Amino acid sequence: MNDRRQLADGRRQIAARRRPPSAARRPALLLIAAACLCGCGPGPNASDMRAWTPEFEFRIAADVVPPRALEQIHYTITIRDNKTHEPIANGEGRIFATNADGHSIYDGFAYGPEVGVYHAKLMFVTAGDWAMNVQFRRDSTKALQKPDNDWRQTVNVAEEPGSTKP
């Protein structure tokens, strides 16, 4: 009978060791878990534009949103393979825009120091809505690919000359 009691006591002790953390330790564990999740790297910014072709995934970010006319806007374009999600290095592409008056602007991609990241600059000549898109290819032997749908970018009126402080 004593052996059974000892065996039952041993099982209770093992079960007590397996219990979830006490309520006092849960907030600390949740805080540690949240810190780990936040430290996994930056996610896409809410203002980033996303687009896809059958082969590529694009994430386009502007340094100023919404842009102003007659100011140079820097675009950062991150390009990944649509199937493997690997960054595409040393490709060729451009970003372009056209407004309702028929004015068009474009700039070719410059490959950046980060893997799979390209840079371009645009200067919108007038305020209003502009239809924008990108084209890209892995190398000069491939055809340029463009996402099916343009996105709309509203460009604000330019600052008055002399209104900005140095």
N, C-alpha and C. Protein backbone atom coordinates (compact mmCIF):
# COMPACT_ATOMS: atom_id res chain seq x y z
N MET A 1 0.82 -1.19 0.00
CA MET A 1 0.00 0.00 0.00
C MET A 1 0.87 1.26 0.00
N ASN A 2 1.98 1.26 0.77
CA ASN A 2 2.89 2.38 0.80
C ASN A 2 3.50 2.65 -0.56
N ASP A 3 3.80 1.57 -1.28
CA ASP A 3 4.39 1.73 -2.61
C ASP A 3 3.41 2.45 -3.53
N ARG A 4 2.14 2.13 -3.42
CA ARG A 4 1.14 2.79 -4.26
C ARG A 4 1.04 4.28 -3.93
N ARG A 5 1.08 4.62 -2.65
CA ARG A 5 1.01 6.01 -2.23
C ARG A 5 2.23 6.79 -2.72
N GLN A 6 3.40 6.19 -2.60
CA GLN A 6 4.61 6.85 -3.08
C GLN A 6 4.55 7.07 -4.58
N LEU A 7 4.05 6.06 -5.31
CA LEU A 7 3.91 6.17 -6.75
C LEU A 7 2.91 7.27 -7.09
N ALA A 8 1.80 7.34 -6.40
CA ALA A 8 0.80 8.39 -6.64
C ALA A 8 1.37 9.76 -6.30
N ASP A 9 2.12 9.87 -5.18
CA ASP A 9 2.75 11.14 -4.81
C ASP A 9 3.75 11.58 -5.88
N GLY A 10 4.52 10.65 -6.38
CA GLY A 10 5.50 10.96 -7.43
C GLY A 10 4.82 11.46 -8.70
N ARG A 11 3.70 10.84 -9.07
CA ARG A 11 2.96 11.29 -10.25
C ARG A 11 2.41 12.69 -10.05
N ARG A 12 1.90 12.98 -8.85
CA ARG A 12 1.39 14.32 -8.56
C ARG A 12 2.50 15.36 -8.65
N GLN A 13 3.67 15.03 -8.18
CA GLN A 13 4.79 15.97 -8.25
C GLN A 13 5.19 16.24 -9.70
N ILE A 14 5.21 15.19 -10.51
CA ILE A 14 5.54 15.36 -11.94
C ILE A 14 4.48 16.21 -12.60
N ALA A 15 3.21 15.95 -12.31
CA ALA A 15 2.12 16.73 -12.89
C ALA A 15 2.21 18.18 -12.43
N ALA A 16 2.60 18.42 -11.19
CA ALA A 16 2.72 19.79 -10.69
C ALA A 16 3.84 20.52 -11.42
N ARG A 17 4.91 19.82 -11.80
CA ARG A 17 6.01 20.46 -12.53
C ARG A 17 5.60 20.82 -13.95
N ARG A 18 4.62 20.12 -14.52
CA ARG A 18 4.18 20.36 -15.89
C ARG A 18 3.13 21.45 -16.00
N ARG A 19 2.66 21.97 -14.89
CA ARG A 19 1.62 23.00 -14.91
C ARG A 19 2.12 24.23 -15.64
N PRO A 20 1.19 24.97 -16.28
CA PRO A 20 1.59 26.21 -16.95
C PRO A 20 2.12 27.22 -15.94
N PRO A 21 2.87 28.21 -16.41
CA PRO A 21 3.44 29.21 -15.50
C PRO A 21 2.35 29.91 -14.69
N SER A 22 2.72 30.34 -13.52
CA SER A 22 1.75 31.00 -12.66
C SER A 22 1.32 32.32 -13.28
N ALA A 23 0.23 32.83 -12.81
CA ALA A 23 -0.31 34.09 -13.34
C ALA A 23 0.67 35.24 -13.16
N ALA A 24 1.54 35.17 -12.18
CA ALA A 24 2.51 36.23 -11.95
C ALA A 24 3.58 36.25 -13.04
N ARG A 25 3.90 35.09 -13.62
CA ARG A 25 4.94 35.03 -14.64
C ARG A 25 4.41 35.21 -16.06
N ARG A 26 3.12 35.08 -16.27
CA ARG A 26 2.55 35.19 -17.63
C ARG A 26 2.82 36.55 -18.29
N PRO A 27 2.62 37.69 -17.61
CA PRO A 27 2.90 38.97 -18.28
C PRO A 27 4.35 39.09 -18.74
N ALA A 28 5.27 38.58 -17.95
CA ALA A 28 6.68 38.65 -18.35
C ALA A 28 6.92 37.79 -19.59
N LEU A 29 6.33 36.62 -19.63
CA LEU A 29 6.48 35.75 -20.80
C LEU A 29 5.84 36.38 -22.04
N LEU A 30 4.69 37.02 -21.87
CA LEU A 30 4.05 37.69 -23.00
C LEU A 30 4.91 38.85 -23.50
N LEU A 31 5.53 39.58 -22.59
CA LEU A 31 6.40 40.68 -22.97
C LEU A 31 7.61 40.17 -23.75
N ILE A 32 8.19 39.08 -23.31
CA ILE A 32 9.34 38.49 -24.01
C ILE A 32 8.91 38.02 -25.40
N ALA A 33 7.76 37.37 -25.49
CA ALA A 33 7.27 36.90 -26.79
C ALA A 33 7.00 38.07 -27.74
N ALA A 34 6.44 39.15 -27.24
CA ALA A 34 6.18 40.33 -28.07
C ALA A 34 7.49 40.95 -28.55
N ALA A 35 8.48 41.00 -27.68
CA ALA A 35 9.78 41.56 -28.07
C ALA A 35 10.43 40.72 -29.15
N CYS A 36 10.30 39.41 -29.04
CA CYS A 36 10.87 38.52 -30.06
C CYS A 36 10.18 38.73 -31.40
N LEU A 37 8.87 38.87 -31.39
CA LEU A 37 8.13 39.08 -32.64
C LEU A 37 8.48 40.42 -33.27
N CYS A 38 8.64 41.44 -32.45
CA CYS A 38 8.99 42.76 -32.99
C CYS A 38 10.39 42.79 -33.55
N GLY A 39 11.27 41.96 -33.05
CA GLY A 39 12.65 41.96 -33.48
C GLY A 39 12.90 41.14 -34.74
N CYS A 40 11.86 40.64 -35.36
CA CYS A 40 12.04 39.79 -36.53
C CYS A 40 12.29 40.59 -37.79
N GLY A 41 12.47 41.88 -37.71
CA GLY A 41 12.76 42.70 -38.88
C GLY A 41 11.58 43.54 -39.26
N PRO A 42 11.83 44.57 -40.06
CA PRO A 42 10.75 45.47 -40.41
C PRO A 42 9.79 44.83 -41.40
N GLY A 43 8.54 45.06 -41.18
CA GLY A 43 7.53 44.60 -42.12
C GLY A 43 7.26 45.67 -43.15
N PRO A 44 6.42 45.36 -44.12
CA PRO A 44 6.10 46.38 -45.12
C PRO A 44 5.41 47.57 -44.48
N ASN A 45 5.78 48.75 -44.92
CA ASN A 45 5.18 49.97 -44.44
C ASN A 45 3.75 50.07 -44.99
N ALA A 46 2.85 50.67 -44.24
CA ALA A 46 1.46 50.78 -44.67
C ALA A 46 1.33 51.61 -45.94
N SER A 47 2.27 52.53 -46.19
CA SER A 47 2.18 53.37 -47.38
C SER A 47 2.87 52.75 -48.59
N ASP A 48 3.51 51.60 -48.44
CA ASP A 48 4.15 50.93 -49.57
C ASP A 48 3.11 50.44 -50.56
N MET A 49 3.45 50.54 -51.83
CA MET A 49 2.60 50.01 -52.90
C MET A 49 3.09 48.61 -53.23
N ARG A 50 2.17 47.67 -53.41
CA ARG A 50 2.54 46.29 -53.75
C ARG A 50 1.95 45.95 -55.10
N ALA A 51 2.72 45.22 -55.91
CA ALA A 51 2.26 44.81 -57.24
C ALA A 51 2.91 43.48 -57.59
N TRP A 52 2.27 42.75 -58.52
CA TRP A 52 2.77 41.43 -58.91
C TRP A 52 2.66 41.24 -60.41
N THR A 53 3.60 40.46 -60.94
CA THR A 53 3.50 39.91 -62.28
C THR A 53 3.57 38.40 -62.10
N PRO A 54 3.42 37.61 -63.15
CA PRO A 54 3.56 36.16 -62.96
C PRO A 54 4.92 35.74 -62.40
N GLU A 55 5.95 36.54 -62.64
CA GLU A 55 7.30 36.17 -62.21
C GLU A 55 7.81 36.96 -61.01
N PHE A 56 7.33 38.21 -60.80
CA PHE A 56 7.92 39.08 -59.80
C PHE A 56 6.89 39.62 -58.81
N GLU A 57 7.41 39.95 -57.61
CA GLU A 57 6.65 40.64 -56.58
C GLU A 57 7.37 41.96 -56.31
N PHE A 58 6.64 43.07 -56.38
CA PHE A 58 7.22 44.40 -56.21
C PHE A 58 6.69 45.03 -54.93
N ARG A 59 7.57 45.72 -54.20
CA ARG A 59 7.17 46.58 -53.09
C ARG A 59 7.80 47.94 -53.37
N ILE A 60 6.96 48.95 -53.59
CA ILE A 60 7.42 50.28 -53.99
C ILE A 60 7.14 51.26 -52.86
N ALA A 61 8.19 51.96 -52.43
CA ALA A 61 8.05 52.94 -51.35
C ALA A 61 8.61 54.27 -51.80
N ALA A 62 7.89 55.34 -51.50
CA ALA A 62 8.36 56.69 -51.80
C ALA A 62 8.83 57.34 -50.51
N ASP A 63 9.83 58.23 -50.61
CA ASP A 63 10.31 58.89 -49.40
C ASP A 63 9.36 59.98 -48.93
N VAL A 64 8.49 60.49 -49.80
CA VAL A 64 7.50 61.50 -49.43
C VAL A 64 6.14 61.05 -49.96
N VAL A 65 5.16 60.94 -49.07
CA VAL A 65 3.81 60.56 -49.47
C VAL A 65 2.83 61.50 -48.80
N PRO A 66 1.96 62.19 -49.49
CA PRO A 66 1.91 62.33 -50.95
C PRO A 66 3.00 63.30 -51.42
N PRO A 67 3.49 63.10 -52.64
CA PRO A 67 4.54 63.99 -53.15
C PRO A 67 3.99 65.35 -53.55
N ARG A 68 4.88 66.31 -53.70
CA ARG A 68 4.54 67.65 -54.19
C ARG A 68 5.13 67.81 -55.59
N ALA A 69 4.44 68.56 -56.41
CA ALA A 69 4.94 68.85 -57.76
C ALA A 69 6.26 69.61 -57.65
N LEU A 70 7.12 69.40 -58.61
CA LEU A 70 8.41 70.07 -58.75
C LEU A 70 9.41 69.74 -57.64
N GLU A 71 9.18 68.65 -56.91
CA GLU A 71 10.15 68.16 -55.93
C GLU A 71 10.58 66.77 -56.36
N GLN A 72 11.87 66.48 -56.21
CA GLN A 72 12.37 65.16 -56.58
C GLN A 72 11.97 64.15 -55.50
N ILE A 73 11.33 63.07 -55.92
CA ILE A 73 10.87 62.03 -55.01
C ILE A 73 11.71 60.79 -55.25
N HIS A 74 12.26 60.24 -54.17
CA HIS A 74 13.08 59.03 -54.26
C HIS A 74 12.20 57.81 -54.02
N TYR A 75 12.25 56.84 -54.93
CA TYR A 75 11.50 55.59 -54.81
C TYR A 75 12.46 54.45 -54.53
N THR A 76 12.07 53.58 -53.62
CA THR A 76 12.81 52.36 -53.31
C THR A 76 11.92 51.19 -53.73
N ILE A 77 12.43 50.36 -54.64
CA ILE A 77 11.65 49.25 -55.18
C ILE A 77 12.34 47.95 -54.79
N THR A 78 11.65 47.13 -54.03
CA THR A 78 12.16 45.83 -53.63
C THR A 78 11.51 44.78 -54.54
N ILE A 79 12.33 43.94 -55.15
CA ILE A 79 11.81 42.97 -56.12
C ILE A 79 12.22 41.57 -55.69
N ARG A 80 11.23 40.67 -55.64
CA ARG A 80 11.45 39.27 -55.27
C ARG A 80 10.84 38.36 -56.32
N ASP A 81 11.39 37.16 -56.41
CA ASP A 81 10.81 36.13 -57.27
C ASP A 81 9.46 35.73 -56.69
N ASN A 82 8.46 35.63 -57.53
CA ASN A 82 7.10 35.35 -57.06
C ASN A 82 6.96 33.94 -56.48
N LYS A 83 7.74 32.99 -56.98
CA LYS A 83 7.61 31.60 -56.50
C LYS A 83 8.51 31.30 -55.31
N THR A 84 9.78 31.70 -55.40
CA THR A 84 10.74 31.36 -54.35
C THR A 84 10.87 32.45 -53.29
N HIS A 85 10.39 33.65 -53.58
CA HIS A 85 10.49 34.82 -52.69
C HIS A 85 11.94 35.25 -52.45
N GLU A 86 12.84 34.82 -53.32
CA GLU A 86 14.24 35.24 -53.25
C GLU A 86 14.38 36.61 -53.90
N PRO A 87 15.24 37.49 -53.36
CA PRO A 87 15.45 38.80 -53.98
C PRO A 87 16.11 38.66 -55.35
N ILE A 88 15.73 39.54 -56.27
CA ILE A 88 16.27 39.53 -57.63
C ILE A 88 17.40 40.56 -57.70
N ALA A 89 18.60 40.12 -58.00
CA ALA A 89 19.76 41.00 -58.06
C ALA A 89 20.10 41.33 -59.51
N ASN A 90 20.58 42.55 -59.72
CA ASN A 90 21.14 43.00 -61.00
C ASN A 90 20.17 42.91 -62.17
N GLY A 91 18.91 43.19 -61.94
CA GLY A 91 17.93 43.23 -63.02
C GLY A 91 17.88 44.62 -63.64
N GLU A 92 16.95 44.79 -64.58
CA GLU A 92 16.77 46.07 -65.26
C GLU A 92 15.30 46.46 -65.17
N GLY A 93 15.04 47.74 -64.95
CA GLY A 93 13.66 48.17 -64.88
C GLY A 93 13.52 49.67 -64.85
N ARG A 94 12.27 50.10 -64.75
CA ARG A 94 12.00 51.53 -64.67
C ARG A 94 10.67 51.75 -63.97
N ILE A 95 10.50 52.95 -63.44
CA ILE A 95 9.23 53.40 -62.89
C ILE A 95 8.77 54.56 -63.77
N PHE A 96 7.47 54.63 -64.03
CA PHE A 96 6.98 55.68 -64.91
C PHE A 96 5.60 56.13 -64.47
N ALA A 97 5.23 57.35 -64.92
CA ALA A 97 3.94 57.93 -64.55
C ALA A 97 3.44 58.81 -65.68
N THR A 98 2.11 58.88 -65.83
CA THR A 98 1.46 59.72 -66.84
C THR A 98 0.25 60.38 -66.20
N ASN A 99 0.06 61.69 -66.49
CA ASN A 99 -1.12 62.36 -65.95
C ASN A 99 -2.19 62.51 -67.03
N ALA A 100 -3.33 63.09 -66.67
CA ALA A 100 -4.46 63.22 -67.59
C ALA A 100 -4.14 64.14 -68.77
N ASP A 101 -3.19 65.06 -68.60
CA ASP A 101 -2.81 65.97 -69.68
C ASP A 101 -1.84 65.34 -70.67
N GLY A 102 -1.40 64.13 -70.40
CA GLY A 102 -0.48 63.45 -71.30
C GLY A 102 0.99 63.64 -70.96
N HIS A 103 1.30 64.32 -69.86
CA HIS A 103 2.70 64.46 -69.44
C HIS A 103 3.16 63.11 -68.90
N SER A 104 4.33 62.67 -69.33
CA SER A 104 4.90 61.41 -68.85
C SER A 104 6.28 61.65 -68.28
N ILE A 105 6.59 60.92 -67.22
CA ILE A 105 7.91 60.96 -66.61
C ILE A 105 8.33 59.53 -66.33
N TYR A 106 9.65 59.28 -66.29
CA TYR A 106 10.13 57.95 -65.96
C TYR A 106 11.58 58.04 -65.49
N ASP A 107 12.03 56.97 -64.84
CA ASP A 107 13.43 56.86 -64.45
C ASP A 107 13.78 55.38 -64.39
N GLY A 108 14.99 55.06 -64.85
CA GLY A 108 15.48 53.69 -64.78
C GLY A 108 15.92 53.34 -63.37
N PHE A 109 15.86 52.04 -63.06
CA PHE A 109 16.27 51.57 -61.75
C PHE A 109 17.78 51.56 -61.63
N ALA A 110 18.27 51.99 -60.49
CA ALA A 110 19.68 51.85 -60.13
C ALA A 110 19.74 50.81 -59.02
N TYR A 111 20.55 49.78 -59.21
CA TYR A 111 20.64 48.71 -58.21
C TYR A 111 21.31 49.25 -56.96
N GLY A 112 20.67 49.03 -55.80
CA GLY A 112 21.15 49.58 -54.54
C GLY A 112 22.12 48.67 -53.82
N PRO A 113 22.63 49.11 -52.69
CA PRO A 113 23.56 48.28 -51.93
C PRO A 113 22.87 47.07 -51.28
N GLU A 114 21.55 47.16 -51.05
CA GLU A 114 20.82 46.05 -50.46
C GLU A 114 20.46 45.05 -51.56
N VAL A 115 20.43 43.76 -51.21
CA VAL A 115 20.12 42.72 -52.19
C VAL A 115 18.65 42.84 -52.59
N GLY A 116 18.38 42.88 -53.89
CA GLY A 116 17.02 42.92 -54.40
C GLY A 116 16.35 44.27 -54.31
N VAL A 117 17.10 45.33 -54.00
CA VAL A 117 16.51 46.66 -53.83
C VAL A 117 17.06 47.59 -54.92
N TYR A 118 16.15 48.31 -55.55
CA TYR A 118 16.48 49.24 -56.63
C TYR A 118 16.00 50.63 -56.24
N HIS A 119 16.61 51.66 -56.86
CA HIS A 119 16.26 53.04 -56.53
C HIS A 119 15.99 53.81 -57.82
N ALA A 120 15.04 54.76 -57.73
CA ALA A 120 14.72 55.63 -58.86
C ALA A 120 14.22 56.95 -58.30
N LYS A 121 14.28 57.99 -59.15
CA LYS A 121 13.81 59.32 -58.74
C LYS A 121 12.88 59.86 -59.81
N LEU A 122 11.78 60.48 -59.35
CA LEU A 122 10.83 61.12 -60.25
C LEU A 122 10.57 62.54 -59.77
N MET A 123 10.32 63.43 -60.72
CA MET A 123 9.88 64.78 -60.39
C MET A 123 8.59 65.04 -61.17
N PHE A 124 7.49 65.15 -60.45
CA PHE A 124 6.19 65.39 -61.06
C PHE A 124 6.12 66.85 -61.48
N VAL A 125 5.78 67.12 -62.74
CA VAL A 125 5.81 68.49 -63.24
C VAL A 125 4.54 69.26 -62.92
N THR A 126 3.44 68.57 -62.66
CA THR A 126 2.18 69.24 -62.32
C THR A 126 1.50 68.50 -61.17
N ALA A 127 0.64 69.20 -60.48
CA ALA A 127 -0.16 68.59 -59.42
C ALA A 127 -1.33 67.84 -60.07
N GLY A 128 -1.94 66.97 -59.31
CA GLY A 128 -3.09 66.20 -59.80
C GLY A 128 -2.86 64.71 -59.65
N ASP A 129 -3.70 63.94 -60.32
CA ASP A 129 -3.59 62.48 -60.27
C ASP A 129 -2.70 61.98 -61.39
N TRP A 130 -1.83 61.05 -61.06
CA TRP A 130 -0.92 60.43 -62.01
C TRP A 130 -1.13 58.92 -61.97
N ALA A 131 -1.15 58.29 -63.14
CA ALA A 131 -1.19 56.83 -63.24
C ALA A 131 0.26 56.35 -63.24
N MET A 132 0.60 55.42 -62.34
CA MET A 132 1.99 54.97 -62.19
C MET A 132 2.09 53.47 -62.33
N ASN A 133 3.28 53.01 -62.74
CA ASN A 133 3.55 51.59 -62.82
C ASN A 133 5.05 51.37 -62.93
N VAL A 134 5.45 50.10 -62.92
CA VAL A 134 6.85 49.72 -63.06
C VAL A 134 6.97 48.65 -64.14
N GLN A 135 8.16 48.53 -64.71
CA GLN A 135 8.50 47.45 -65.62
C GLN A 135 9.83 46.88 -65.15
N PHE A 136 10.02 45.55 -65.33
CA PHE A 136 11.24 44.92 -64.84
C PHE A 136 11.52 43.65 -65.62
N ARG A 137 12.82 43.33 -65.71
CA ARG A 137 13.27 42.05 -66.26
C ARG A 137 14.55 41.64 -65.55
N ARG A 138 14.80 40.34 -65.50
CA ARG A 138 16.00 39.82 -64.83
C ARG A 138 17.28 40.23 -65.54
N ASP A 139 17.25 40.18 -66.88
CA ASP A 139 18.42 40.58 -67.67
C ASP A 139 17.95 40.97 -69.06
N SER A 140 18.89 41.43 -69.90
CA SER A 140 18.53 41.98 -71.22
C SER A 140 18.02 40.92 -72.19
N THR A 141 18.15 39.65 -71.88
CA THR A 141 17.64 38.60 -72.77
C THR A 141 16.16 38.32 -72.53
N LYS A 142 15.60 38.85 -71.48
CA LYS A 142 14.18 38.61 -71.12
C LYS A 142 13.34 39.82 -71.50
N ALA A 143 12.04 39.60 -71.64
CA ALA A 143 11.11 40.69 -71.92
C ALA A 143 10.77 41.44 -70.64
N LEU A 144 10.49 42.74 -70.77
CA LEU A 144 10.05 43.53 -69.63
C LEU A 144 8.67 43.07 -69.19
N GLN A 145 8.47 42.96 -67.89
CA GLN A 145 7.17 42.58 -67.34
C GLN A 145 6.61 43.76 -66.56
N LYS A 146 5.29 43.95 -66.69
CA LYS A 146 4.62 45.07 -66.03
C LYS A 146 3.37 44.54 -65.33
N PRO A 147 3.13 44.94 -64.08
CA PRO A 147 1.87 44.55 -63.43
C PRO A 147 0.68 45.03 -64.25
N ASP A 148 -0.42 44.29 -64.21
CA ASP A 148 -1.59 44.59 -65.03
C ASP A 148 -2.21 45.94 -64.73
N ASN A 149 -2.29 46.31 -63.47
CA ASN A 149 -3.01 47.53 -63.10
C ASN A 149 -2.06 48.64 -62.66
N ASP A 150 -2.31 49.84 -63.20
CA ASP A 150 -1.59 51.02 -62.72
C ASP A 150 -2.14 51.40 -61.35
N TRP A 151 -1.36 52.13 -60.58
CA TRP A 151 -1.90 52.70 -59.35
C TRP A 151 -1.94 54.21 -59.51
N ARG A 152 -2.82 54.84 -58.76
CA ARG A 152 -3.00 56.29 -58.83
C ARG A 152 -2.23 56.96 -57.71
N GLN A 153 -1.52 58.01 -58.09
CA GLN A 153 -0.78 58.80 -57.11
C GLN A 153 -1.25 60.25 -57.21
N THR A 154 -1.78 60.78 -56.13
CA THR A 154 -2.17 62.19 -56.10
C THR A 154 -0.95 63.01 -55.73
N VAL A 155 -0.66 64.01 -56.57
CA VAL A 155 0.48 64.89 -56.36
C VAL A 155 -0.06 66.24 -55.92
N ASN A 156 0.45 66.74 -54.80
CA ASN A 156 -0.01 68.03 -54.26
C ASN A 156 0.64 69.19 -55.01
N VAL A 157 0.07 70.37 -54.82
CA VAL A 157 0.57 71.58 -55.45
C VAL A 157 1.96 71.88 -54.90
N ALA A 158 2.82 72.42 -55.75
CA ALA A 158 4.20 72.76 -55.37
C ALA A 158 4.20 73.90 -54.35
N GLU A 159 5.28 73.94 -53.58
CA GLU A 159 5.49 75.05 -52.63
C GLU A 159 5.74 76.33 -53.43
N GLU A 160 5.32 77.45 -52.88
CA GLU A 160 5.61 78.73 -53.50
C GLU A 160 7.11 79.01 -53.42
N PRO A 161 7.69 79.60 -54.45
CA PRO A 161 9.13 79.90 -54.38
C PRO A 161 9.45 80.79 -53.19
N GLY A 162 10.49 80.44 -52.47
CA GLY A 162 10.93 81.24 -51.33
C GLY A 162 10.17 80.94 -50.05
N SER A 163 9.22 79.98 -50.06
CA SER A 163 8.44 79.72 -48.86
C SER A 163 9.10 78.70 -47.95
N THR A 164 10.12 78.02 -48.43
CA THR A 164 10.79 77.03 -47.58
C THR A 164 12.00 77.67 -46.91
N LYS A 165 12.29 77.21 -45.72
CA LYS A 165 13.44 77.74 -44.98
C LYS A 165 14.67 76.91 -45.33
N PRO A 166 15.84 77.55 -45.38
CA PRO A 166 17.06 76.81 -45.72
C PRO A 166 17.47 75.85 -44.65
